[in-house]
Amino acid sequence: MIMSMTVIVPITEMRNTSKMFEMSENQPVFITKNGYGARVLINLEHYNKVKDILLDLELERRYQVSESDDRNIDAKEFIQKLMNE
């Protein structure tokens, strides 16, 4: 995701949907309401990339926690436990 400059627009700009789509094609558009940050508009491809990165980070975090809690077990042992239940 290549971003050049930060784009901040008031919510009233949302009326011009074509302009908003164009502005958010290659970079996020920060939308303000009453002078305060309210939303971020990004295209679907960038959203999916961000979502995937966050998922990977969460999975890595959970793995690290399970490693430190000694909760990881061998796959064969896991399947054996499932079959015995």
C-alpha atoms as a PDB file:
ATOM      1  CA  MET A   1       0.000   0.000   0.000  1.00  0.00           C
ATOM      2  CA  ILE A   2       1.683   3.184  -1.187  1.00  0.00           C
ATOM      3  CA  MET A   3       0.554   6.376   0.479  1.00  0.00           C
ATOM      4  CA  SER A   4       1.704   9.775  -0.554  1.00  0.00           C
ATOM      5  CA  MET A   5       0.093  12.396   1.639  1.00  0.00           C
ATOM      6  CA  THR A   6      -2.588  12.395   4.273  1.00  0.00           C
ATOM      7  CA  VAL A   7      -5.986  13.374   2.931  1.00  0.00           C
ATOM      8  CA  ILE A   8      -8.429  14.826   5.453  1.00  0.00           C
ATOM      9  CA  VAL A   9     -11.868  15.963   4.359  1.00  0.00           C
ATOM     10  CA  PRO A  10     -15.029  17.068   6.166  1.00  0.00           C
ATOM     11  CA  ILE A  11     -18.030  14.760   6.102  1.00  0.00           C
ATOM     12  CA  THR A  12     -19.838  17.152   3.774  1.00  0.00           C
ATOM     13  CA  GLU A  13     -17.452  16.009   1.004  1.00  0.00           C
ATOM     14  CA  MET A  14     -19.125  12.591   1.142  1.00  0.00           C
ATOM     15  CA  ARG A  15     -21.875  14.026  -1.050  1.00  0.00           C
ATOM     16  CA  ASN A  16     -19.484  13.840  -3.992  1.00  0.00           C
ATOM     17  CA  THR A  17     -19.102  10.055  -4.082  1.00  0.00           C
ATOM     18  CA  SER A  18     -17.156   9.975  -7.342  1.00  0.00           C
ATOM     19  CA  LYS A  19     -14.563  12.343  -5.912  1.00  0.00           C
ATOM     20  CA  MET A  20     -14.335  10.312  -2.686  1.00  0.00           C
ATOM     21  CA  PHE A  21     -13.870   7.067  -4.627  1.00  0.00           C
ATOM     22  CA  GLU A  22     -11.121   8.675  -6.681  1.00  0.00           C
ATOM     23  CA  MET A  23      -9.404  10.179  -3.645  1.00  0.00           C
ATOM     24  CA  SER A  24      -9.428   6.862  -1.756  1.00  0.00           C
ATOM     25  CA  GLU A  25      -8.184   4.705  -4.625  1.00  0.00           C
ATOM     26  CA  ASN A  26      -4.512   4.735  -3.582  1.00  0.00           C
ATOM     27  CA  GLN A  27      -4.571   6.167  -0.088  1.00  0.00           C
ATOM     28  CA  PRO A  28      -6.868   6.361   2.906  1.00  0.00           C
ATOM     29  CA  VAL A  29      -9.120   9.382   3.235  1.00  0.00           C
ATOM     30  CA  PHE A  30      -9.714  10.578   6.793  1.00  0.00           C
ATOM     31  CA  ILE A  31     -13.200  12.009   7.263  1.00  0.00           C
ATOM     32  CA  THR A  32     -13.942  14.538   9.965  1.00  0.00           C
ATOM     33  CA  LYS A  33     -17.203  15.477  11.628  1.00  0.00           C
ATOM     34  CA  ASN A  34     -17.407  18.740  13.532  1.00  0.00           C
ATOM     35  CA  GLY A  35     -13.638  19.057  13.224  1.00  0.00           C
ATOM     36  CA  TYR A  36     -12.853  15.660  14.766  1.00  0.00           C
ATOM     37  CA  GLY A  37     -11.759  12.432  13.132  1.00  0.00           C
ATOM     38  CA  ALA A  38     -14.763  10.196  12.486  1.00  0.00           C
ATOM     39  CA  ARG A  39     -14.014   7.635   9.759  1.00  0.00           C
ATOM     40  CA  VAL A  40     -11.405   6.392   7.317  1.00  0.00           C
ATOM     41  CA  LEU A  41     -12.285   5.521   3.739  1.00  0.00           C
ATOM     42  CA  ILE A  42     -10.043   3.018   1.928  1.00  0.00           C
ATOM     43  CA  ASN A  43     -10.566   0.866  -1.131  1.00  0.00           C
ATOM     44  CA  LEU A  44     -11.497  -2.780  -0.713  1.00  0.00           C
ATOM     45  CA  GLU A  45      -8.115  -4.147  -1.817  1.00  0.00           C
ATOM     46  CA  HIS A  46      -6.276  -2.114   0.823  1.00  0.00           C
ATOM     47  CA  TYR A  47      -8.864  -3.033   3.454  1.00  0.00           C
ATOM     48  CA  ASN A  48      -8.365  -6.745   2.756  1.00  0.00           C
ATOM     49  CA  LYS A  49      -4.575  -6.364   2.984  1.00  0.00           C
ATOM     50  CA  VAL A  50      -4.867  -4.585   6.327  1.00  0.00           C
ATOM     51  CA  LYS A  51      -7.329  -7.200   7.592  1.00  0.00           C
ATOM     52  CA  ASP A  52      -4.986 -10.042   6.554  1.00  0.00           C
ATOM     53  CA  ILE A  53      -2.011  -8.380   8.256  1.00  0.00           C
ATOM     54  CA  LEU A  54      -4.009  -7.905  11.456  1.00  0.00           C
ATOM     55  CA  LEU A  55      -5.146 -11.533  11.354  1.00  0.00           C
ATOM     56  CA  ASP A  56      -1.557 -12.722  10.907  1.00  0.00           C
ATOM     57  CA  LEU A  57      -0.451 -10.572  13.829  1.00  0.00           C
ATOM     58  CA  GLU A  58      -3.245 -11.913  16.034  1.00  0.00           C
ATOM     59  CA  LEU A  59      -2.403 -15.507  15.143  1.00  0.00           C
ATOM     60  CA  GLU A  60       1.262 -14.850  15.880  1.00  0.00           C
ATOM     61  CA  ARG A  61       0.337 -13.252  19.225  1.00  0.00           C
ATOM     62  CA  ARG A  62      -1.818 -16.237  20.172  1.00  0.00           C
ATOM     63  CA  TYR A  63       0.949 -18.617  19.182  1.00  0.00           C
ATOM     64  CA  GLN A  64       3.462 -16.710  21.307  1.00  0.00           C
ATOM     65  CA  VAL A  65       1.102 -16.795  24.284  1.00  0.00           C
ATOM     66  CA  SER A  66       0.502 -20.516  23.883  1.00  0.00           C
ATOM     67  CA  GLU A  67       4.252 -21.115  23.653  1.00  0.00           C
ATOM     68  CA  SER A  68       4.898 -19.258  26.892  1.00  0.00           C
ATOM     69  CA  ASP A  69       1.993 -21.056  28.632  1.00  0.00           C
ATOM     70  CA  ASP A  70       3.255 -24.486  27.506  1.00  0.00           C
ATOM     71  CA  ARG A  71      -0.120 -25.200  25.895  1.00  0.00           C
ATOM     72  CA  ASN A  72       1.281 -26.302  22.526  1.00  0.00           C
ATOM     73  CA  ILE A  73       1.184 -30.029  21.926  1.00  0.00           C
ATOM     74  CA  ASP A  74       2.272 -32.302  19.118  1.00  0.00           C
ATOM     75  CA  ALA A  75      -0.304 -32.779  16.327  1.00  0.00           C
ATOM     76  CA  LYS A  76      -0.419 -36.567  16.873  1.00  0.00           C
ATOM     77  CA  GLU A  77      -1.037 -36.042  20.587  1.00  0.00           C
ATOM     78  CA  PHE A  78      -3.800 -33.537  19.790  1.00  0.00           C
ATOM     79  CA  ILE A  79      -5.579 -35.957  17.438  1.00  0.00           C
ATOM     80  CA  GLN A  80      -5.216 -38.737  19.979  1.00  0.00           C
ATOM     81  CA  LYS A  81      -6.856 -36.555  22.638  1.00  0.00           C
ATOM     82  CA  LEU A  82      -9.716 -35.766  20.250  1.00  0.00           C
ATOM     83  CA  MET A  83     -10.299 -39.427  19.477  1.00  0.00           C
ATOM     84  CA  ASN A  84     -10.358 -40.360  23.177  1.00  0.00           C
ATOM     85  CA  GLU A  85     -13.001 -37.792  24.081  1.00  0.00           C
END
